[in-house]
Amino acid sequence: MVSKNRVSNALLSMYARIGRIEELEKVFDGIKSPDIVSWCSMISAYFQNGFNEKSINFFAEMHRSNASSPNEYGLSSVISSCAELALLDQGRQFHAHALKTGFESTFAWGTRS
């Protein structure tokens, strides 16, 4: 199934890679019905460009909007943002959420196969 937001999501990815946060936000704001890729692209973009508080706040906004459950990229980025800001308790809460939503193997750090 092809996402109706495919072009917008590609633009989000491009602007994230080149650090153009203002353009990234404009593209997201123009998406009528953001999907999980749109939301998690924003969360990851903020983290990758050093906007850790925005990453965490955007994750919370996604959760409040009941848009959908985050994927492993969004969860990984928000947990990393917590680590960057030394927000241990909040990072643990996001990690618990990741485990509860079935990302155990993705977040099984420190284990060996």
Foldseek 3Di string as FASTA:
>chain_A
DDDPCVVLLVVLQVCLVVVVLVVNVVSLVPDPQDALSNLLSNLLSCLSNVNLVVSLVSQVVCVVVPSDDHDPSSLVSNLVSCVVVVVVVVSVVSVVVCVVVPVCVVPVPPDDD
